Amino acid sequence: MSKYNFVHLHNHSEYSLLDGMIQVDKLVGKAKELGMNSVAITDHGNMYGAIEFYKKCKAEGVKPIIGSEFYFTPTSRFDKSARNANHLILLAKSEIGYKNLIKLSSYSFTEGF
């Protein structure tokens, strides 16, 4: 039984440039140390750390929850002049969800905001 029935679902790692600070291995290590069964990674606008995070979690017996903090605008992702960008945390529930996050992340880098 875990010490905590709480799961951190919004964590920025070193891959959230100028925002996140914790290294992936330290995030997973701390979750394990605290007896947490799972932990999420939700870096800002990217999924660069997802594979490293997944592998570290599996090695430590912690369930990885992969996500990202996406930016969205009130108009369109093609509107790069939008000043009212908001944030939305998206978490993958399955492999299909993970693949959808990859697609969304790719679209944001290649097509718009």
N, C-alpha and C. Protein backbone atom coordinates (compact mmCIF):
# COMPACT_ATOMS: atom_id res chain seq x y z
N MET A 1 0.84 -1.18 0.00
CA MET A 1 0.00 0.00 0.00
C MET A 1 0.88 1.24 0.00
N SER A 2 0.53 2.19 -0.81
CA SER A 2 1.26 3.44 -0.91
C SER A 2 1.04 4.29 0.34
N LYS A 3 2.04 5.07 0.70
CA LYS A 3 1.88 6.04 1.77
C LYS A 3 0.87 7.11 1.37
N TYR A 4 0.83 7.39 0.06
CA TYR A 4 0.00 8.47 -0.45
C TYR A 4 -1.03 7.95 -1.44
N ASN A 5 -2.25 8.41 -1.30
CA ASN A 5 -3.28 8.14 -2.29
C ASN A 5 -3.42 9.35 -3.19
N PHE A 6 -2.33 9.98 -3.46
CA PHE A 6 -2.28 11.21 -4.24
C PHE A 6 -1.27 11.02 -5.36
N VAL A 7 -1.61 11.51 -6.54
CA VAL A 7 -0.71 11.42 -7.68
C VAL A 7 -0.48 12.82 -8.25
N HIS A 8 0.76 13.20 -8.38
CA HIS A 8 1.08 14.49 -9.00
C HIS A 8 0.86 14.36 -10.50
N LEU A 9 -0.09 15.14 -11.03
CA LEU A 9 -0.44 15.07 -12.44
C LEU A 9 0.04 16.28 -13.25
N HIS A 10 0.79 17.16 -12.62
CA HIS A 10 1.26 18.36 -13.32
C HIS A 10 2.68 18.66 -12.87
N ASN A 11 3.64 18.09 -13.57
CA ASN A 11 5.06 18.27 -13.25
C ASN A 11 5.83 18.72 -14.48
N HIS A 12 6.64 19.75 -14.29
CA HIS A 12 7.51 20.22 -15.36
C HIS A 12 8.93 19.78 -15.05
N SER A 13 9.53 19.10 -15.99
CA SER A 13 10.90 18.62 -15.80
C SER A 13 11.89 19.61 -16.42
N GLU A 14 13.12 19.19 -16.48
CA GLU A 14 14.17 20.00 -17.10
C GLU A 14 13.88 20.28 -18.58
N TYR A 15 12.93 19.55 -19.16
CA TYR A 15 12.58 19.74 -20.57
C TYR A 15 11.57 20.88 -20.76
N SER A 16 11.08 21.45 -19.69
CA SER A 16 10.25 22.66 -19.78
C SER A 16 11.20 23.84 -19.63
N LEU A 17 11.73 24.28 -20.75
CA LEU A 17 12.77 25.30 -20.73
C LEU A 17 12.31 26.57 -20.03
N LEU A 18 13.15 27.08 -19.15
CA LEU A 18 12.92 28.28 -18.35
C LEU A 18 11.74 28.16 -17.39
N ASP A 19 11.24 26.95 -17.17
CA ASP A 19 10.10 26.76 -16.28
C ASP A 19 10.31 25.58 -15.34
N GLY A 20 10.70 24.45 -15.89
CA GLY A 20 10.89 23.26 -15.07
C GLY A 20 12.32 23.15 -14.61
N MET A 21 12.51 22.46 -13.49
CA MET A 21 13.85 22.37 -12.96
C MET A 21 14.25 20.95 -12.59
N ILE A 22 13.29 20.14 -12.18
CA ILE A 22 13.64 18.82 -11.68
C ILE A 22 14.06 17.90 -12.82
N GLN A 23 15.11 17.15 -12.59
CA GLN A 23 15.56 16.18 -13.57
C GLN A 23 14.65 14.95 -13.48
N VAL A 24 14.44 14.30 -14.62
CA VAL A 24 13.52 13.17 -14.70
C VAL A 24 13.86 12.10 -13.67
N ASP A 25 15.12 11.73 -13.56
CA ASP A 25 15.48 10.67 -12.61
C ASP A 25 15.20 11.07 -11.16
N LYS A 26 15.36 12.34 -10.84
CA LYS A 26 15.07 12.81 -9.48
C LYS A 26 13.56 12.86 -9.22
N LEU A 27 12.78 13.23 -10.22
CA LEU A 27 11.32 13.23 -10.08
C LEU A 27 10.82 11.82 -9.78
N VAL A 28 11.27 10.86 -10.56
CA VAL A 28 10.85 9.48 -10.38
C VAL A 28 11.38 8.93 -9.05
N GLY A 29 12.61 9.24 -8.72
CA GLY A 29 13.19 8.79 -7.46
C GLY A 29 12.44 9.32 -6.25
N LYS A 30 12.04 10.58 -6.30
CA LYS A 30 11.29 11.18 -5.20
C LYS A 30 9.91 10.55 -5.07
N ALA A 31 9.27 10.30 -6.20
CA ALA A 31 7.96 9.64 -6.16
C ALA A 31 8.09 8.27 -5.50
N LYS A 32 9.12 7.52 -5.87
CA LYS A 32 9.33 6.20 -5.29
C LYS A 32 9.65 6.31 -3.80
N GLU A 33 10.51 7.25 -3.45
CA GLU A 33 10.89 7.47 -2.04
C GLU A 33 9.66 7.77 -1.18
N LEU A 34 8.72 8.52 -1.72
CA LEU A 34 7.51 8.88 -0.98
C LEU A 34 6.43 7.79 -1.02
N GLY A 35 6.74 6.69 -1.69
CA GLY A 35 5.79 5.59 -1.75
C GLY A 35 4.65 5.80 -2.73
N MET A 36 4.85 6.68 -3.69
CA MET A 36 3.81 6.94 -4.68
C MET A 36 3.83 5.85 -5.74
N ASN A 37 2.65 5.41 -6.15
CA ASN A 37 2.54 4.35 -7.15
C ASN A 37 2.72 4.88 -8.57
N SER A 38 2.44 6.16 -8.78
CA SER A 38 2.53 6.74 -10.11
C SER A 38 2.84 8.22 -10.02
N VAL A 39 3.28 8.77 -11.17
CA VAL A 39 3.59 10.19 -11.27
C VAL A 39 3.49 10.58 -12.74
N ALA A 40 3.19 11.85 -12.98
CA ALA A 40 3.03 12.33 -14.36
C ALA A 40 4.12 13.32 -14.72
N ILE A 41 4.35 13.43 -16.02
CA ILE A 41 5.21 14.47 -16.57
C ILE A 41 4.36 15.25 -17.57
N THR A 42 4.35 16.57 -17.43
CA THR A 42 3.53 17.44 -18.29
C THR A 42 4.33 18.67 -18.67
N ASP A 43 5.38 18.47 -19.42
CA ASP A 43 6.22 19.59 -19.80
C ASP A 43 5.48 20.57 -20.69
N HIS A 44 5.94 21.81 -20.65
CA HIS A 44 5.32 22.89 -21.41
C HIS A 44 5.55 22.73 -22.91
N GLY A 45 4.48 22.48 -23.64
CA GLY A 45 4.53 22.52 -25.09
C GLY A 45 5.41 21.51 -25.78
N ASN A 46 5.86 20.49 -25.08
CA ASN A 46 6.70 19.48 -25.73
C ASN A 46 6.62 18.16 -24.98
N MET A 47 7.16 17.14 -25.62
CA MET A 47 7.19 15.81 -25.01
C MET A 47 8.60 15.22 -25.09
N TYR A 48 9.60 16.06 -25.03
CA TYR A 48 10.98 15.63 -25.19
C TYR A 48 11.42 14.60 -24.15
N GLY A 49 10.90 14.70 -22.95
CA GLY A 49 11.33 13.82 -21.88
C GLY A 49 10.50 12.56 -21.71
N ALA A 50 9.52 12.33 -22.56
CA ALA A 50 8.56 11.23 -22.36
C ALA A 50 9.22 9.85 -22.33
N ILE A 51 10.11 9.58 -23.25
CA ILE A 51 10.74 8.25 -23.32
C ILE A 51 11.64 8.02 -22.11
N GLU A 52 12.47 9.00 -21.80
CA GLU A 52 13.35 8.89 -20.63
C GLU A 52 12.51 8.69 -19.37
N PHE A 53 11.46 9.47 -19.22
CA PHE A 53 10.56 9.37 -18.07
C PHE A 53 9.93 7.99 -17.98
N TYR A 54 9.43 7.49 -19.08
CA TYR A 54 8.80 6.16 -19.12
C TYR A 54 9.78 5.08 -18.68
N LYS A 55 10.98 5.11 -19.24
CA LYS A 55 11.99 4.09 -18.90
C LYS A 55 12.40 4.16 -17.43
N LYS A 56 12.58 5.37 -16.91
CA LYS A 56 12.97 5.53 -15.49
C LYS A 56 11.87 5.02 -14.58
N CYS A 57 10.63 5.37 -14.90
CA CYS A 57 9.50 4.91 -14.09
C CYS A 57 9.41 3.39 -14.07
N LYS A 58 9.50 2.79 -15.24
CA LYS A 58 9.42 1.33 -15.32
C LYS A 58 10.54 0.66 -14.52
N ALA A 59 11.73 1.23 -14.59
CA ALA A 59 12.87 0.67 -13.85
C ALA A 59 12.68 0.77 -12.34
N GLU A 60 11.94 1.79 -11.89
CA GLU A 60 11.73 2.01 -10.45
C GLU A 60 10.40 1.44 -9.95
N GLY A 61 9.61 0.86 -10.84
CA GLY A 61 8.32 0.29 -10.42
C GLY A 61 7.26 1.34 -10.14
N VAL A 62 7.38 2.49 -10.79
CA VAL A 62 6.41 3.58 -10.65
C VAL A 62 5.65 3.68 -11.96
N LYS A 63 4.33 3.80 -11.88
CA LYS A 63 3.52 3.90 -13.11
C LYS A 63 3.71 5.28 -13.73
N PRO A 64 4.17 5.32 -14.99
CA PRO A 64 4.34 6.61 -15.66
C PRO A 64 3.03 7.10 -16.26
N ILE A 65 2.75 8.37 -16.08
CA ILE A 65 1.61 9.02 -16.73
C ILE A 65 2.20 10.12 -17.61
N ILE A 66 2.06 9.94 -18.91
CA ILE A 66 2.68 10.86 -19.85
C ILE A 66 1.66 11.87 -20.35
N GLY A 67 2.06 13.12 -20.32
CA GLY A 67 1.19 14.17 -20.80
C GLY A 67 2.00 15.36 -21.24
N SER A 68 1.31 16.45 -21.47
CA SER A 68 1.96 17.69 -21.85
C SER A 68 1.03 18.85 -21.51
N GLU A 69 1.62 19.98 -21.24
CA GLU A 69 0.83 21.19 -21.04
C GLU A 69 0.83 21.94 -22.37
N PHE A 70 -0.29 21.84 -23.05
CA PHE A 70 -0.43 22.45 -24.37
C PHE A 70 -0.92 23.88 -24.26
N TYR A 71 -0.56 24.65 -25.25
CA TYR A 71 -1.06 26.01 -25.38
C TYR A 71 -2.23 25.98 -26.37
N PHE A 72 -3.24 26.76 -26.10
CA PHE A 72 -4.31 26.89 -27.08
C PHE A 72 -4.79 28.33 -27.11
N THR A 73 -5.37 28.71 -28.24
CA THR A 73 -5.81 30.08 -28.43
C THR A 73 -7.32 30.12 -28.64
N PRO A 74 -7.92 31.27 -28.46
CA PRO A 74 -9.37 31.37 -28.67
C PRO A 74 -9.76 31.33 -30.15
N THR A 75 -8.78 31.44 -31.04
CA THR A 75 -9.11 31.46 -32.47
C THR A 75 -8.72 30.15 -33.14
N SER A 76 -7.47 30.02 -33.57
CA SER A 76 -7.02 28.87 -34.33
C SER A 76 -5.55 28.62 -34.04
N ARG A 77 -5.12 27.38 -34.18
CA ARG A 77 -3.70 27.09 -33.96
C ARG A 77 -2.84 27.74 -35.03
N PHE A 78 -3.44 28.16 -36.14
CA PHE A 78 -2.71 28.81 -37.22
C PHE A 78 -2.50 30.30 -36.95
N ASP A 79 -3.19 30.84 -35.97
CA ASP A 79 -3.09 32.25 -35.63
C ASP A 79 -1.94 32.47 -34.66
N LYS A 80 -0.78 32.78 -35.22
CA LYS A 80 0.42 32.95 -34.39
C LYS A 80 0.47 34.31 -33.70
N SER A 81 -0.46 35.18 -34.02
CA SER A 81 -0.48 36.50 -33.39
C SER A 81 -1.36 36.53 -32.15
N ALA A 82 -1.97 35.41 -31.83
CA ALA A 82 -2.88 35.36 -30.69
C ALA A 82 -2.14 35.71 -29.40
N ARG A 83 -2.69 36.63 -28.66
CA ARG A 83 -2.07 37.07 -27.41
C ARG A 83 -2.72 36.41 -26.20
N ASN A 84 -3.85 35.85 -26.39
CA ASN A 84 -4.59 35.26 -25.26
C ASN A 84 -4.45 33.75 -25.23
N ALA A 85 -3.24 33.28 -25.24
CA ALA A 85 -3.01 31.84 -25.19
C ALA A 85 -3.31 31.32 -23.78
N ASN A 86 -3.90 30.16 -23.72
CA ASN A 86 -4.20 29.50 -22.46
C ASN A 86 -3.48 28.16 -22.42
N HIS A 87 -3.49 27.55 -21.27
CA HIS A 87 -2.83 26.26 -21.10
C HIS A 87 -3.87 25.18 -20.82
N LEU A 88 -3.56 23.98 -21.29
CA LEU A 88 -4.44 22.83 -21.06
C LEU A 88 -3.57 21.61 -20.85
N ILE A 89 -3.75 20.94 -19.71
CA ILE A 89 -3.01 19.72 -19.43
C ILE A 89 -3.74 18.55 -20.09
N LEU A 90 -3.03 17.80 -20.91
CA LEU A 90 -3.57 16.60 -21.53
C LEU A 90 -2.73 15.41 -21.09
N LEU A 91 -3.39 14.34 -20.64
CA LEU A 91 -2.72 13.14 -20.17
C LEU A 91 -3.13 11.96 -21.03
N ALA A 92 -2.18 11.10 -21.34
CA ALA A 92 -2.47 9.91 -22.13
C ALA A 92 -2.98 8.80 -21.22
N LYS A 93 -4.11 8.22 -21.59
CA LYS A 93 -4.69 7.12 -20.84
C LYS A 93 -4.23 5.77 -21.39
N SER A 94 -3.81 5.75 -22.66
CA SER A 94 -3.44 4.52 -23.33
C SER A 94 -2.38 4.82 -24.39
N GLU A 95 -1.98 3.79 -25.11
CA GLU A 95 -1.03 3.98 -26.20
C GLU A 95 -1.64 4.87 -27.29
N ILE A 96 -2.92 4.70 -27.54
CA ILE A 96 -3.60 5.54 -28.52
C ILE A 96 -3.56 7.01 -28.08
N GLY A 97 -3.81 7.25 -26.80
CA GLY A 97 -3.74 8.60 -26.26
C GLY A 97 -2.35 9.18 -26.39
N TYR A 98 -1.34 8.36 -26.13
CA TYR A 98 0.06 8.80 -26.27
C TYR A 98 0.34 9.21 -27.72
N LYS A 99 -0.11 8.39 -28.65
CA LYS A 99 0.11 8.71 -30.07
C LYS A 99 -0.63 9.99 -30.46
N ASN A 100 -1.80 10.20 -29.89
CA ASN A 100 -2.53 11.45 -30.15
C ASN A 100 -1.78 12.66 -29.60
N LEU A 101 -1.18 12.52 -28.42
CA LEU A 101 -0.39 13.62 -27.86
C LEU A 101 0.80 13.93 -28.77
N ILE A 102 1.43 12.89 -29.30
CA ILE A 102 2.56 13.09 -30.22
C ILE A 102 2.09 13.87 -31.46
N LYS A 103 0.94 13.49 -31.99
CA LYS A 103 0.41 14.20 -33.17
C LYS A 103 0.13 15.66 -32.85
N LEU A 104 -0.53 15.90 -31.73
CA LEU A 104 -0.84 17.28 -31.35
C LEU A 104 0.43 18.10 -31.15
N SER A 105 1.40 17.50 -30.50
CA SER A 105 2.66 18.20 -30.27
C SER A 105 3.36 18.51 -31.60
N SER A 106 3.34 17.56 -32.51
CA SER A 106 3.96 17.78 -33.83
C SER A 106 3.24 18.88 -34.59
N TYR A 107 1.90 18.86 -34.56
CA TYR A 107 1.13 19.91 -35.23
C TYR A 107 1.48 21.28 -34.66
N SER A 108 1.63 21.35 -33.35
CA SER A 108 1.92 22.66 -32.75
C SER A 108 3.27 23.20 -33.19
N PHE A 109 4.23 22.33 -33.42
CA PHE A 109 5.55 22.78 -33.85
C PHE A 109 5.60 23.09 -35.34
N THR A 110 4.84 22.34 -36.15
CA THR A 110 4.96 22.50 -37.60
C THR A 110 3.91 23.42 -38.23
N GLU A 111 2.76 23.57 -37.57
CA GLU A 111 1.67 24.31 -38.20
C GLU A 111 1.25 25.58 -37.47
N GLY A 112 1.60 25.69 -36.25
CA GLY A 112 1.08 26.87 -35.57
C GLY A 112 1.56 27.02 -34.17
N PHE A 113 0.64 27.46 -33.33
CA PHE A 113 0.94 27.85 -31.96
C PHE A 113 0.88 26.65 -31.06
